[in-house]
């Protein structure tokens, strides 16, 4: 298992661990359709350690999250 910040752009992964992130962020992700077991893809990376844009593959929902938060989200490479 690795974290979301280490995944290359365009590589599909499955979110497996949301327990290490803040509770507020976890609730927001769940409300937007990002939950443990959902497939996601990193679409963009901002320069200078900026945010990542990730897409939930089932509903095509896209959000940007801080790289520091992405380091705390566990993912599985299928």
N, C-alpha and C. Protein backbone atom coordinates (compact mmCIF):
# COMPACT_ATOMS: atom_id res chain seq x y z
N UNK A 1 0.85 -1.18 0.00
CA UNK A 1 0.00 0.00 0.00
C UNK A 1 0.90 1.24 0.00
N UNK A 2 0.50 2.23 -0.75
CA UNK A 2 1.24 3.48 -0.85
C UNK A 2 0.29 4.65 -0.63
N UNK A 3 0.81 5.86 -0.71
CA UNK A 3 -0.07 7.02 -0.51
C UNK A 3 -0.39 7.69 -1.84
N UNK A 4 -1.42 8.48 -1.86
CA UNK A 4 -1.92 9.11 -3.07
C UNK A 4 -0.93 10.10 -3.67
N UNK A 5 -0.10 10.72 -2.86
CA UNK A 5 0.85 11.71 -3.36
C UNK A 5 1.94 11.09 -4.24
N UNK A 6 2.18 9.80 -4.12
CA UNK A 6 3.24 9.13 -4.87
C UNK A 6 2.77 8.54 -6.21
N UNK A 7 1.50 8.61 -6.49
CA UNK A 7 0.94 7.98 -7.70
C UNK A 7 1.20 8.87 -8.91
N UNK A 8 1.68 8.29 -10.02
CA UNK A 8 1.89 9.10 -11.23
C UNK A 8 0.57 9.54 -11.87
N UNK A 9 0.62 10.58 -12.65
CA UNK A 9 -0.56 11.11 -13.33
C UNK A 9 -1.12 10.06 -14.29
N UNK A 10 -2.44 9.86 -14.23
CA UNK A 10 -3.12 8.95 -15.14
C UNK A 10 -3.18 7.51 -14.69
N UNK A 11 -2.54 7.14 -13.60
CA UNK A 11 -2.53 5.75 -13.11
C UNK A 11 -3.75 5.51 -12.24
N UNK A 12 -4.63 4.57 -12.60
CA UNK A 12 -5.81 4.30 -11.76
C UNK A 12 -5.43 3.54 -10.49
N UNK A 13 -6.00 3.97 -9.37
CA UNK A 13 -5.77 3.33 -8.07
C UNK A 13 -7.10 3.25 -7.32
N UNK A 14 -7.09 2.53 -6.21
CA UNK A 14 -8.27 2.40 -5.35
C UNK A 14 -7.92 2.98 -3.99
N UNK A 15 -8.76 3.89 -3.49
CA UNK A 15 -8.54 4.46 -2.16
C UNK A 15 -8.83 3.40 -1.11
N UNK A 16 -7.89 3.20 -0.18
CA UNK A 16 -8.06 2.15 0.82
C UNK A 16 -8.05 2.65 2.26
N UNK A 17 -7.46 3.82 2.53
CA UNK A 17 -7.32 4.25 3.92
C UNK A 17 -7.53 5.76 4.03
N UNK A 18 -8.63 6.16 4.65
CA UNK A 18 -8.90 7.57 4.90
C UNK A 18 -8.83 7.91 6.38
N UNK A 19 -8.31 7.01 7.19
CA UNK A 19 -8.31 7.21 8.64
C UNK A 19 -7.23 8.15 9.14
N UNK A 20 -6.20 8.42 8.34
CA UNK A 20 -5.10 9.27 8.79
C UNK A 20 -5.33 10.75 8.52
N UNK A 21 -6.36 11.10 7.74
CA UNK A 21 -6.61 12.50 7.43
C UNK A 21 -7.54 13.12 8.47
N UNK A 22 -7.61 14.45 8.45
CA UNK A 22 -8.48 15.16 9.39
C UNK A 22 -9.93 14.73 9.20
N UNK A 23 -10.69 14.79 10.26
CA UNK A 23 -12.09 14.36 10.21
C UNK A 23 -12.91 15.24 9.27
N UNK A 24 -12.65 16.56 9.28
CA UNK A 24 -13.39 17.47 8.38
C UNK A 24 -13.15 17.14 6.93
N UNK A 25 -11.90 16.89 6.57
CA UNK A 25 -11.59 16.54 5.19
C UNK A 25 -12.19 15.19 4.81
N UNK A 26 -12.14 14.24 5.71
CA UNK A 26 -12.71 12.92 5.44
C UNK A 26 -14.21 13.02 5.18
N UNK A 27 -14.91 13.83 5.98
CA UNK A 27 -16.35 14.01 5.77
C UNK A 27 -16.64 14.69 4.43
N UNK A 28 -15.82 15.66 4.05
CA UNK A 28 -16.01 16.32 2.75
C UNK A 28 -15.79 15.34 1.61
N UNK A 29 -14.74 14.54 1.71
CA UNK A 29 -14.47 13.56 0.66
C UNK A 29 -15.63 12.57 0.53
N UNK A 30 -16.14 12.11 1.66
CA UNK A 30 -17.28 11.18 1.62
C UNK A 30 -18.51 11.83 1.00
N UNK A 31 -18.75 13.09 1.30
CA UNK A 31 -19.90 13.79 0.74
C UNK A 31 -19.78 13.97 -0.77
N UNK A 32 -18.56 14.07 -1.26
CA UNK A 32 -18.33 14.25 -2.69
C UNK A 32 -18.19 12.93 -3.45
N UNK A 33 -18.28 11.81 -2.74
CA UNK A 33 -18.22 10.52 -3.41
C UNK A 33 -16.87 9.85 -3.38
N UNK A 34 -15.93 10.37 -2.60
CA UNK A 34 -14.61 9.76 -2.45
C UNK A 34 -14.62 8.96 -1.15
N UNK A 35 -14.64 7.65 -1.24
CA UNK A 35 -14.75 6.77 -0.08
C UNK A 35 -13.74 5.63 -0.23
N UNK A 36 -13.55 4.89 0.84
CA UNK A 36 -12.64 3.75 0.78
C UNK A 36 -13.21 2.71 -0.17
N UNK A 37 -12.41 2.30 -1.14
CA UNK A 37 -12.84 1.33 -2.13
C UNK A 37 -13.19 1.95 -3.47
N UNK A 38 -13.22 3.28 -3.57
CA UNK A 38 -13.58 3.90 -4.85
C UNK A 38 -12.33 4.08 -5.71
N UNK A 39 -12.49 3.92 -7.02
CA UNK A 39 -11.36 4.12 -7.94
C UNK A 39 -11.13 5.60 -8.21
N UNK A 40 -9.87 6.03 -8.16
CA UNK A 40 -9.50 7.41 -8.44
C UNK A 40 -8.30 7.45 -9.38
N UNK A 41 -8.12 8.61 -10.01
CA UNK A 41 -6.99 8.86 -10.90
C UNK A 41 -6.46 10.25 -10.58
N UNK A 42 -5.13 10.39 -10.50
CA UNK A 42 -4.52 11.71 -10.36
C UNK A 42 -4.49 12.33 -11.75
N UNK A 43 -5.13 13.48 -11.91
CA UNK A 43 -5.21 14.13 -13.22
C UNK A 43 -4.16 15.23 -13.41
N UNK A 44 -3.88 16.01 -12.37
CA UNK A 44 -2.92 17.11 -12.48
C UNK A 44 -2.14 17.26 -11.19
N UNK A 45 -0.95 17.82 -11.33
CA UNK A 45 -0.12 18.19 -10.18
C UNK A 45 0.32 19.63 -10.37
N UNK A 46 0.11 20.44 -9.37
CA UNK A 46 0.58 21.82 -9.43
C UNK A 46 2.07 21.85 -9.14
N UNK A 47 2.73 22.85 -9.67
CA UNK A 47 4.17 22.97 -9.44
C UNK A 47 4.46 23.46 -8.02
N UNK A 48 5.69 23.31 -7.62
CA UNK A 48 6.17 23.77 -6.32
C UNK A 48 5.39 23.16 -5.15
N UNK A 49 5.20 21.86 -5.17
CA UNK A 49 4.55 21.14 -4.07
C UNK A 49 3.11 21.59 -3.84
N UNK A 50 2.43 22.01 -4.88
CA UNK A 50 1.05 22.48 -4.79
C UNK A 50 0.06 21.33 -4.75
N UNK A 51 -1.22 21.64 -4.91
CA UNK A 51 -2.27 20.61 -4.79
C UNK A 51 -2.30 19.65 -5.97
N UNK A 52 -2.97 18.51 -5.74
CA UNK A 52 -3.20 17.51 -6.77
C UNK A 52 -4.68 17.55 -7.14
N UNK A 53 -4.96 17.36 -8.40
CA UNK A 53 -6.35 17.23 -8.85
C UNK A 53 -6.60 15.75 -9.05
N UNK A 54 -7.61 15.22 -8.34
CA UNK A 54 -7.94 13.80 -8.47
C UNK A 54 -9.36 13.67 -8.98
N UNK A 55 -9.61 12.59 -9.69
CA UNK A 55 -10.93 12.33 -10.26
C UNK A 55 -11.45 11.00 -9.75
N UNK A 56 -12.69 11.01 -9.29
CA UNK A 56 -13.37 9.79 -8.90
C UNK A 56 -13.89 9.17 -10.19
N UNK A 57 -13.46 7.98 -10.53
CA UNK A 57 -13.70 7.42 -11.85
C UNK A 57 -15.14 7.01 -12.11
N UNK A 58 -15.90 6.65 -11.08
CA UNK A 58 -17.28 6.21 -11.30
C UNK A 58 -18.21 7.36 -11.69
N UNK A 59 -18.05 8.51 -11.02
CA UNK A 59 -18.96 9.64 -11.23
C UNK A 59 -18.28 10.84 -11.89
N UNK A 60 -17.00 10.71 -12.21
CA UNK A 60 -16.22 11.77 -12.86
C UNK A 60 -16.20 13.06 -12.05
N UNK A 61 -16.23 12.92 -10.74
CA UNK A 61 -16.12 14.06 -9.83
C UNK A 61 -14.64 14.40 -9.67
N UNK A 62 -14.27 15.68 -9.88
CA UNK A 62 -12.88 16.09 -9.74
C UNK A 62 -12.75 17.10 -8.61
N UNK A 63 -11.70 16.92 -7.79
CA UNK A 63 -11.40 17.86 -6.71
C UNK A 63 -9.89 18.06 -6.63
N UNK A 64 -9.48 19.12 -5.98
CA UNK A 64 -8.06 19.36 -5.72
C UNK A 64 -7.83 19.27 -4.22
N UNK A 65 -6.78 18.56 -3.85
CA UNK A 65 -6.43 18.44 -2.42
C UNK A 65 -4.95 18.78 -2.24
N UNK A 66 -4.61 19.21 -1.04
CA UNK A 66 -3.22 19.54 -0.74
C UNK A 66 -2.36 18.29 -0.79
N UNK A 67 -1.12 18.47 -1.18
CA UNK A 67 -0.20 17.34 -1.25
C UNK A 67 0.02 16.74 0.14
N UNK A 68 0.02 17.57 1.17
CA UNK A 68 0.20 17.07 2.53
C UNK A 68 -0.96 16.16 2.94
N UNK A 69 -2.16 16.47 2.46
CA UNK A 69 -3.32 15.59 2.74
C UNK A 69 -3.25 14.32 1.89
N UNK A 70 -2.78 14.45 0.67
CA UNK A 70 -2.67 13.29 -0.21
C UNK A 70 -1.68 12.27 0.33
N UNK A 71 -0.67 12.73 1.07
CA UNK A 71 0.30 11.83 1.68
C UNK A 71 -0.33 10.96 2.75
N UNK A 72 -1.46 11.37 3.30
CA UNK A 72 -2.13 10.63 4.36
C UNK A 72 -3.28 9.74 3.85
N UNK A 73 -3.48 9.69 2.55
CA UNK A 73 -4.53 8.85 1.96
C UNK A 73 -3.88 7.62 1.36
N UNK A 74 -4.22 6.46 1.91
CA UNK A 74 -3.68 5.21 1.43
C UNK A 74 -4.40 4.73 0.19
N UNK A 75 -3.63 4.22 -0.79
CA UNK A 75 -4.20 3.71 -2.03
C UNK A 75 -3.61 2.34 -2.35
N UNK A 76 -4.32 1.60 -3.19
CA UNK A 76 -3.90 0.28 -3.63
C UNK A 76 -3.80 0.31 -5.15
N UNK A 77 -2.70 -0.21 -5.68
CA UNK A 77 -2.52 -0.30 -7.13
C UNK A 77 -3.07 -1.64 -7.59
N UNK A 78 -4.19 -1.63 -8.35
CA UNK A 78 -4.77 -2.92 -8.79
C UNK A 78 -3.92 -3.61 -9.85
